[in-house]
Amino acid sequence: MRRFNEKHASVVALAVDVWRRPYSFLGDSPEGRGRIRNTTWHESLIDYTDGTETSALRFERSLNALGARNDVTFDFDVKTHWQPVESQRAQLWASRFGKAELFMDRLGMAHFTQKRSASDRQTLLACASEIGLDADALDAFLRTDELNDEVWRSYGETIREMGIGSIPLFLFSLEPNGGPFRDNAGRTFAHGGSGSADDFLEVFEAAWAAAKGERES
């Protein structure tokens, strides 16, 4: 975004309104309902790769090599849950206060580098407090069933209706409520995977070219 805005400073400014959609590789299958899968990230990577310790360790070395570029070291012994309903409810709750991205940044750092699992409520409460949200209010919210059905519905829709089989998936729309997860208005520009700054700059340039074409037609 910075590179795009520097390049087009005299013409246009790019701003992104981010909305995260709850996703699980298991979809809304009943496998994870009502219980925590007591596996570590490392054990999950064994399943995610080819079922061998060797491949999981190779994946971890590769990921830590990428993380080292930003002084990040991942801890693969953290407890994971493939249907993290409570943490995704917390993210939706944080969005009510305009702090969803701050919350997810803090939660991601805690989970992936500090071995403070996003599946543990105390981690959620601590991360909320660390970014200035009311941890007691979040705790009270999590003790209810609010947004529980919404998360499970999203699990099913993203798998069956949207056909999403891998994450992260970034969908950008020129319309305020565009894209398949909102009003489906306007054209959508997609990028699958984490990607580099160059990758995202290419997406933004394509969106800008389309916007200029619409204005000129």
Protein backbone atom coordinates (compact mmCIF):
# COMPACT_ATOMS: atom_id res chain seq x y z
CA MET A 1 0.00 0.00 0.00
CA ARG A 2 2.81 2.40 0.83
CA ARG A 3 4.49 1.79 -2.52
CA PHE A 4 1.23 2.24 -4.41
CA ASN A 5 0.42 5.49 -2.62
CA GLU A 6 3.92 6.85 -3.19
CA LYS A 7 3.69 6.03 -6.90
CA HIS A 8 0.24 7.58 -7.40
CA ALA A 9 0.42 10.32 -4.73
CA SER A 10 -0.68 13.09 -7.08
CA VAL A 11 -3.67 11.16 -8.42
CA VAL A 12 -5.20 8.73 -5.95
CA ALA A 13 -4.82 7.34 -2.42
CA LEU A 14 -5.40 3.71 -1.52
CA ALA A 15 -7.20 2.74 1.69
CA VAL A 16 -8.38 -0.74 2.62
CA ASP A 17 -11.39 -1.58 4.81
CA VAL A 18 -10.55 -5.05 6.12
CA TRP A 19 -13.15 -7.64 7.06
CA ARG A 20 -12.10 -11.14 8.10
CA ARG A 21 -14.36 -14.12 7.47
CA PRO A 22 -14.15 -17.11 9.89
CA TYR A 23 -12.70 -20.17 8.16
CA SER A 24 -11.83 -23.74 9.08
CA PHE A 25 -10.25 -26.46 6.95
CA LEU A 26 -12.80 -28.82 8.53
CA GLY A 27 -15.69 -26.61 7.46
CA ASP A 28 -18.71 -27.00 9.70
CA SER A 29 -18.22 -30.74 10.24
CA PRO A 30 -19.14 -31.87 13.76
CA GLU A 31 -15.61 -33.17 14.39
CA GLY A 32 -14.48 -30.24 16.51
CA ARG A 33 -17.77 -29.21 18.11
CA GLY A 34 -17.70 -29.08 21.88
CA ARG A 35 -14.08 -30.12 22.37
CA ILE A 36 -10.52 -28.93 21.91
CA ARG A 37 -8.24 -30.97 19.70
CA ASN A 38 -5.17 -31.25 21.91
CA THR A 39 -2.63 -31.17 19.14
CA THR A 40 0.31 -28.85 18.62
CA TRP A 41 0.99 -26.79 15.54
CA HIS A 42 3.88 -29.18 14.80
CA GLU A 43 1.58 -32.22 14.96
CA SER A 44 -0.92 -30.46 12.72
CA LEU A 45 1.83 -29.73 10.19
CA ILE A 46 2.59 -33.44 9.99
CA ASP A 47 -1.00 -33.95 8.80
CA TYR A 48 -0.85 -30.83 6.62
CA THR A 49 2.25 -31.98 4.72
CA ASP A 50 2.65 -35.66 3.81
CA GLY A 51 2.21 -37.27 7.20
CA THR A 52 5.90 -37.44 8.05
CA GLU A 53 7.98 -35.72 10.71
CA THR A 54 10.63 -34.96 8.10
CA SER A 55 8.29 -32.92 5.93
CA ALA A 56 6.85 -31.05 8.91
CA LEU A 57 10.33 -30.09 10.10
CA ARG A 58 11.28 -28.99 6.57
CA PHE A 59 8.16 -26.79 6.46
CA GLU A 60 9.02 -25.30 9.85
CA ARG A 61 12.59 -24.48 8.80
CA SER A 62 11.28 -22.78 5.67
CA LEU A 63 8.73 -20.76 7.64
CA ASN A 64 11.30 -19.67 10.20
CA ALA A 65 13.64 -18.62 7.40
CA LEU A 66 10.90 -16.29 6.14
CA GLY A 67 10.14 -15.09 9.66
CA ALA A 68 13.80 -14.26 10.28
CA ARG A 69 13.54 -11.48 7.69
CA ASN A 70 11.27 -9.67 10.14
CA ASP A 71 12.92 -10.85 13.38
CA VAL A 72 10.13 -13.38 13.99
CA THR A 73 10.76 -16.87 15.37
CA PHE A 74 7.82 -19.27 15.32
CA ASP A 75 7.08 -21.73 18.13
CA PHE A 76 5.54 -24.88 16.73
CA ASP A 77 4.73 -26.46 20.10
CA VAL A 78 1.71 -24.21 20.67
CA LYS A 79 -1.66 -25.89 21.12
CA THR A 80 -3.93 -25.56 18.08
CA HIS A 81 -7.61 -26.05 17.30
CA TRP A 82 -8.84 -26.52 13.73
CA GLN A 83 -12.24 -25.02 14.56
CA PRO A 84 -11.28 -22.08 16.83
CA VAL A 85 -14.81 -20.78 17.30
CA GLU A 86 -14.13 -18.80 20.46
CA SER A 87 -11.15 -16.88 19.06
CA GLN A 88 -13.07 -16.06 15.88
CA ARG A 89 -16.05 -14.87 17.91
CA ALA A 90 -13.60 -12.64 19.80
CA GLN A 91 -12.30 -11.24 16.51
CA LEU A 92 -15.82 -10.40 15.36
CA TRP A 93 -16.48 -8.79 18.74
CA ALA A 94 -13.33 -6.66 18.45
CA SER A 95 -14.51 -5.45 15.04
CA ARG A 96 -17.41 -3.68 16.78
CA PHE A 97 -14.84 -1.30 18.25
CA GLY A 98 -12.77 -0.90 15.10
CA LYS A 99 -9.92 -2.92 16.59
CA ALA A 100 -10.20 -6.29 14.86
CA GLU A 101 -6.87 -5.98 13.05
CA LEU A 102 -5.04 -4.76 16.14
CA PHE A 103 -6.52 -7.66 18.08
CA MET A 104 -5.59 -10.24 15.44
CA ASP A 105 -2.05 -8.86 15.14
CA ARG A 106 -1.58 -9.19 18.88
CA LEU A 107 -3.24 -12.61 19.02
CA GLY A 108 -1.15 -13.88 16.11
CA MET A 109 2.06 -12.78 17.81
CA ALA A 110 1.01 -14.42 21.07
CA HIS A 111 -0.07 -17.68 19.41
CA PHE A 112 2.65 -18.17 16.83
CA THR A 113 5.71 -16.84 18.65
CA GLN A 114 4.97 -16.88 22.39
CA LYS A 115 3.24 -20.26 22.80
CA ARG A 116 0.10 -18.56 24.15
CA SER A 117 -2.60 -20.49 22.36
CA ALA A 118 -5.41 -18.63 20.62
CA SER A 119 -7.59 -21.52 21.81
CA ASP A 120 -7.20 -20.44 25.44
CA ARG A 121 -9.61 -17.82 26.71
CA GLN A 122 -6.97 -16.22 28.92
CA THR A 123 -4.90 -15.49 25.82
CA LEU A 124 -7.89 -13.81 24.18
CA LEU A 125 -8.59 -11.70 27.26
CA ALA A 126 -4.96 -10.69 27.68
CA CYS A 127 -4.60 -9.70 24.03
CA ALA A 128 -7.80 -7.65 24.20
CA SER A 129 -6.51 -5.81 27.26
CA GLU A 130 -3.13 -5.21 25.63
CA ILE A 131 -4.74 -3.24 22.78
CA GLY A 132 -7.05 -1.24 25.03
CA LEU A 133 -10.23 -3.32 24.88
CA ASP A 134 -12.27 -4.23 27.96
CA ALA A 135 -11.23 -7.79 28.86
CA ASP A 136 -14.11 -8.16 31.32
CA ALA A 137 -16.59 -7.21 28.58
CA LEU A 138 -15.02 -9.74 26.22
CA ASP A 139 -15.17 -12.42 28.90
CA ALA A 140 -18.87 -11.69 29.47
CA PHE A 141 -19.47 -11.86 25.71
CA LEU A 142 -17.66 -15.20 25.38
CA ARG A 143 -19.81 -16.67 28.16
CA THR A 144 -22.83 -16.24 25.88
CA ASP A 145 -23.62 -17.97 22.57
CA GLU A 146 -23.64 -14.69 20.63
CA LEU A 147 -22.11 -15.00 17.11
CA ASN A 148 -21.54 -18.72 17.65
CA ASP A 149 -23.94 -19.67 14.86
CA GLU A 150 -22.45 -16.99 12.60
CA VAL A 151 -18.98 -18.53 12.88
CA TRP A 152 -20.26 -22.05 12.17
CA ARG A 153 -22.29 -20.74 9.22
CA SER A 154 -19.19 -19.08 7.81
CA TYR A 155 -17.25 -22.33 8.16
CA GLY A 156 -19.81 -24.08 5.97
CA GLU A 157 -20.30 -21.30 3.42
CA THR A 158 -16.61 -20.71 2.75
CA ILE A 159 -16.06 -24.42 2.06
CA ARG A 160 -19.23 -25.42 0.21
CA GLU A 161 -20.54 -22.23 -1.41
CA MET A 162 -17.29 -20.33 -2.01
CA GLY A 163 -15.13 -23.38 -2.67
CA ILE A 164 -12.24 -22.01 -0.62
CA GLY A 165 -9.73 -24.77 0.03
CA SER A 166 -6.70 -22.82 1.24
CA ILE A 167 -5.95 -19.70 3.24
CA PRO A 168 -5.09 -16.88 3.37
CA LEU A 169 -7.27 -15.67 0.53
CA PHE A 170 -7.48 -11.93 -0.09
CA LEU A 171 -10.43 -10.49 -2.00
CA PHE A 172 -10.38 -6.80 -2.92
CA SER A 173 -13.36 -4.92 -4.32
CA LEU A 174 -13.68 -1.40 -5.70
CA GLU A 175 -17.10 -1.07 -4.09
CA PRO A 176 -17.58 -0.30 -0.36
CA ASN A 177 -19.81 -3.36 0.03
CA GLY A 178 -18.49 -5.37 -2.88
CA GLY A 179 -17.07 -8.84 -3.02
CA PRO A 180 -18.67 -12.27 -2.49
CA PHE A 181 -18.90 -11.89 1.30
CA ARG A 182 -20.82 -8.62 1.23
CA ASP A 183 -23.23 -7.41 -1.48
CA ASN A 184 -21.22 -8.96 -4.34
CA ALA A 185 -21.22 -5.60 -6.10
CA GLY A 186 -18.52 -4.61 -8.57
CA ARG A 187 -15.44 -6.45 -9.70
CA THR A 188 -13.32 -8.48 -7.27
CA PHE A 189 -9.54 -8.82 -7.39
CA ALA A 190 -8.18 -11.90 -5.64
CA HIS A 191 -4.82 -13.04 -4.35
CA GLY A 192 -4.31 -16.45 -2.76
CA GLY A 193 -1.51 -17.03 -0.28
CA SER A 194 0.53 -14.70 1.87
CA GLY A 195 2.34 -13.13 -1.08
CA SER A 196 5.02 -10.48 -1.29
CA ALA A 197 4.81 -6.70 -1.52
CA ASP A 198 5.29 -7.06 -5.28
CA ASP A 199 2.35 -9.47 -5.50
CA PHE A 200 0.00 -7.10 -3.71
CA LEU A 201 1.24 -4.08 -5.63
CA GLU A 202 0.30 -5.93 -8.83
CA VAL A 203 -3.21 -6.55 -7.48
CA PHE A 204 -3.63 -2.89 -6.49
CA GLU A 205 -2.38 -1.72 -9.90
CA ALA A 206 -4.90 -3.99 -11.64
CA ALA A 207 -7.70 -2.61 -9.47
CA TRP A 208 -6.62 0.98 -10.21
CA ALA A 209 -6.47 0.27 -13.94
CA ALA A 210 -10.00 -1.14 -13.80
CA ALA A 211 -11.23 1.86 -11.79
CA LYS A 212 -9.74 4.27 -14.34
CA GLY A 213 -11.34 2.31 -17.17
CA GLU A 214 -14.76 2.54 -15.53
CA ARG A 215 -14.39 6.28 -15.00
CA GLU A 216 -13.39 6.86 -18.63
CA SER A 217 -16.13 4.70 -20.15
